[in-house]
């Protein structure tokens, strides 16, 4: 879809990860929301990037025993590379959050 629609979807998903129940967030993941969500990390709009990072962080927080599966999904769709690149972002909130996500969930990878 067009960028406006993608932006709205990103907000909706992220809002659900904040206020939704664990089952609702799990359902989102089952609907294969991770690859298109991660793809939005490559846009130029810092607001969208921030919303997507927040959403991913929240999804990872509630993942519990599914964390490893989620980490693999994010890696396989190229999300990890994008998050790593965002550690160099000029926006302080974005690079701090990118660092935090990698530090918490992707550090034992090397």
C-alpha atoms as a PDB file:
ATOM      1  CA  UNK A   1       0.000   0.000   0.000  1.00  0.00           C
ATOM      2  CA  UNK A   2       0.927   3.641  -0.038  1.00  0.00           C
ATOM      3  CA  UNK A   3       3.079   5.148   2.685  1.00  0.00           C
ATOM      4  CA  UNK A   4       0.163   6.870   4.449  1.00  0.00           C
ATOM      5  CA  UNK A   5      -1.608   3.540   4.869  1.00  0.00           C
ATOM      6  CA  UNK A   6       1.584   1.837   6.033  1.00  0.00           C
ATOM      7  CA  UNK A   7       2.135   4.634   8.551  1.00  0.00           C
ATOM      8  CA  UNK A   8      -1.412   4.220   9.925  1.00  0.00           C
ATOM      9  CA  UNK A   9      -0.911   0.451  10.139  1.00  0.00           C
ATOM     10  CA  UNK A  10       2.368   0.961  12.005  1.00  0.00           C
ATOM     11  CA  UNK A  11       0.606   3.170  14.569  1.00  0.00           C
ATOM     12  CA  UNK A  12      -2.241   0.674  14.950  1.00  0.00           C
ATOM     13  CA  UNK A  13       0.128  -2.251  15.468  1.00  0.00           C
ATOM     14  CA  UNK A  14       2.301  -0.328  17.892  1.00  0.00           C
ATOM     15  CA  UNK A  15      -0.740   0.848  19.886  1.00  0.00           C
ATOM     16  CA  UNK A  16      -1.938  -2.733  20.144  1.00  0.00           C
ATOM     17  CA  UNK A  17       1.470  -3.825  21.456  1.00  0.00           C
ATOM     18  CA  UNK A  18       1.150  -1.196  24.201  1.00  0.00           C
ATOM     19  CA  UNK A  19      -2.452  -1.675  25.257  1.00  0.00           C
ATOM     20  CA  UNK A  20      -3.273  -5.142  23.916  1.00  0.00           C
ATOM     21  CA  UNK A  21      -3.274  -8.403  25.803  1.00  0.00           C
ATOM     22  CA  UNK A  22      -0.504 -10.960  25.296  1.00  0.00           C
ATOM     23  CA  UNK A  23      -2.875 -13.136  23.194  1.00  0.00           C
ATOM     24  CA  UNK A  24      -3.627 -10.206  20.866  1.00  0.00           C
ATOM     25  CA  UNK A  25       0.063  -9.502  20.375  1.00  0.00           C
ATOM     26  CA  UNK A  26       0.729 -13.209  19.729  1.00  0.00           C
ATOM     27  CA  UNK A  27      -2.076 -13.196  17.159  1.00  0.00           C
ATOM     28  CA  UNK A  28      -0.406 -10.279  15.359  1.00  0.00           C
ATOM     29  CA  UNK A  29       2.833 -12.245  15.174  1.00  0.00           C
ATOM     30  CA  UNK A  30       0.981 -15.309  13.858  1.00  0.00           C
ATOM     31  CA  UNK A  31      -0.510 -13.109  11.120  1.00  0.00           C
ATOM     32  CA  UNK A  32       3.048 -12.521   9.918  1.00  0.00           C
ATOM     33  CA  UNK A  33       3.127  -8.846  10.852  1.00  0.00           C
ATOM     34  CA  UNK A  34       6.867  -8.887  11.664  1.00  0.00           C
ATOM     35  CA  UNK A  35       8.369  -8.782   8.104  1.00  0.00           C
ATOM     36  CA  UNK A  36       6.315  -5.814   6.813  1.00  0.00           C
ATOM     37  CA  UNK A  37       6.697  -4.094  10.195  1.00  0.00           C
ATOM     38  CA  UNK A  38      10.496  -4.477  10.045  1.00  0.00           C
ATOM     39  CA  UNK A  39      10.492  -3.244   6.459  1.00  0.00           C
ATOM     40  CA  UNK A  40       9.196   0.101   7.757  1.00  0.00           C
ATOM     41  CA  UNK A  41      12.443   0.511   9.707  1.00  0.00           C
ATOM     42  CA  UNK A  42      13.984   1.474   6.356  1.00  0.00           C
ATOM     43  CA  UNK A  43      11.803   4.552   5.795  1.00  0.00           C
ATOM     44  CA  UNK A  44      13.075   8.106   6.163  1.00  0.00           C
ATOM     45  CA  UNK A  45      10.322   9.225   8.553  1.00  0.00           C
ATOM     46  CA  UNK A  46      11.800   9.196  12.090  1.00  0.00           C
ATOM     47  CA  UNK A  47       8.338   9.178  13.652  1.00  0.00           C
ATOM     48  CA  UNK A  48       7.453   5.940  11.856  1.00  0.00           C
ATOM     49  CA  UNK A  49      10.812   4.386  12.747  1.00  0.00           C
ATOM     50  CA  UNK A  50      10.257   5.263  16.415  1.00  0.00           C
ATOM     51  CA  UNK A  51       6.742   3.774  16.373  1.00  0.00           C
ATOM     52  CA  UNK A  52       7.972   0.547  14.749  1.00  0.00           C
ATOM     53  CA  UNK A  53      10.915   0.193  17.155  1.00  0.00           C
ATOM     54  CA  UNK A  54       8.575   0.745  20.100  1.00  0.00           C
ATOM     55  CA  UNK A  55       6.220  -1.859  18.700  1.00  0.00           C
ATOM     56  CA  UNK A  56       8.987  -4.417  18.150  1.00  0.00           C
ATOM     57  CA  UNK A  57      10.345  -3.764  21.634  1.00  0.00           C
ATOM     58  CA  UNK A  58       6.890  -4.304  23.146  1.00  0.00           C
ATOM     59  CA  UNK A  59       6.305  -7.468  21.097  1.00  0.00           C
ATOM     60  CA  UNK A  60       9.655  -8.837  22.300  1.00  0.00           C
ATOM     61  CA  UNK A  61       8.827  -7.898  25.909  1.00  0.00           C
ATOM     62  CA  UNK A  62       5.615  -9.937  25.950  1.00  0.00           C
ATOM     63  CA  UNK A  63       7.010 -12.828  23.877  1.00  0.00           C
ATOM     64  CA  UNK A  64       8.093 -14.853  26.911  1.00  0.00           C
ATOM     65  CA  UNK A  65       8.983 -18.379  25.788  1.00  0.00           C
ATOM     66  CA  UNK A  66       8.519 -17.328  22.144  1.00  0.00           C
ATOM     67  CA  UNK A  67      11.316 -14.751  22.300  1.00  0.00           C
ATOM     68  CA  UNK A  68      13.827 -16.900  20.381  1.00  0.00           C
ATOM     69  CA  UNK A  69      11.326 -17.584  17.589  1.00  0.00           C
ATOM     70  CA  UNK A  70      10.605 -13.868  17.363  1.00  0.00           C
ATOM     71  CA  UNK A  71      14.302 -12.986  17.313  1.00  0.00           C
ATOM     72  CA  UNK A  72      14.768 -15.453  14.422  1.00  0.00           C
ATOM     73  CA  UNK A  73      11.810 -13.938  12.532  1.00  0.00           C
ATOM     74  CA  UNK A  74      13.268 -10.450  12.912  1.00  0.00           C
ATOM     75  CA  UNK A  75      16.680 -11.680  11.730  1.00  0.00           C
ATOM     76  CA  UNK A  76      15.324 -13.644   8.768  1.00  0.00           C
ATOM     77  CA  UNK A  77      13.344 -10.738   7.338  1.00  0.00           C
ATOM     78  CA  UNK A  78      16.329  -8.364   7.564  1.00  0.00           C
ATOM     79  CA  UNK A  79      14.985  -6.524  10.597  1.00  0.00           C
ATOM     80  CA  UNK A  80      18.115  -7.035  12.670  1.00  0.00           C
ATOM     81  CA  UNK A  81      20.301  -5.378  10.023  1.00  0.00           C
ATOM     82  CA  UNK A  82      17.942  -2.405   9.979  1.00  0.00           C
ATOM     83  CA  UNK A  83      17.906  -2.165  13.783  1.00  0.00           C
ATOM     84  CA  UNK A  84      21.711  -2.365  13.834  1.00  0.00           C
ATOM     85  CA  UNK A  85      21.938   0.435  11.258  1.00  0.00           C
ATOM     86  CA  UNK A  86      19.556   2.550  13.363  1.00  0.00           C
ATOM     87  CA  UNK A  87      22.128   2.591  16.159  1.00  0.00           C
ATOM     88  CA  UNK A  88      23.817   5.232  13.957  1.00  0.00           C
ATOM     89  CA  UNK A  89      20.631   7.309  13.574  1.00  0.00           C
ATOM     90  CA  UNK A  90      20.827  11.049  14.258  1.00  0.00           C
ATOM     91  CA  UNK A  91      17.689  10.900  16.433  1.00  0.00           C
ATOM     92  CA  UNK A  92      18.766  10.125  19.997  1.00  0.00           C
ATOM     93  CA  UNK A  93      15.549   8.283  20.933  1.00  0.00           C
ATOM     94  CA  UNK A  94      15.861   6.055  17.879  1.00  0.00           C
ATOM     95  CA  UNK A  95      19.486   5.090  18.348  1.00  0.00           C
ATOM     96  CA  UNK A  96      19.009   4.491  22.087  1.00  0.00           C
ATOM     97  CA  UNK A  97      16.012   2.245  21.470  1.00  0.00           C
ATOM     98  CA  UNK A  98      17.791   0.384  18.659  1.00  0.00           C
ATOM     99  CA  UNK A  99      20.743  -0.182  20.978  1.00  0.00           C
ATOM    100  CA  UNK A 100      18.473  -1.343  23.802  1.00  0.00           C
ATOM    101  CA  UNK A 101      16.671  -3.868  21.569  1.00  0.00           C
ATOM    102  CA  UNK A 102      19.951  -5.309  20.295  1.00  0.00           C
ATOM    103  CA  UNK A 103      21.470  -5.309  23.760  1.00  0.00           C
ATOM    104  CA  UNK A 104      18.493  -7.134  25.301  1.00  0.00           C
ATOM    105  CA  UNK A 105      17.538  -9.585  22.586  1.00  0.00           C
ATOM    106  CA  UNK A 106      20.302 -10.034  20.026  1.00  0.00           C
ATOM    107  CA  UNK A 107      23.520  -9.900  22.006  1.00  0.00           C
ATOM    108  CA  UNK A 108      24.287 -13.575  22.397  1.00  0.00           C
ATOM    109  CA  UNK A 109      24.270 -14.000  18.638  1.00  0.00           C
ATOM    110  CA  UNK A 110      27.872 -13.587  17.558  1.00  0.00           C
END
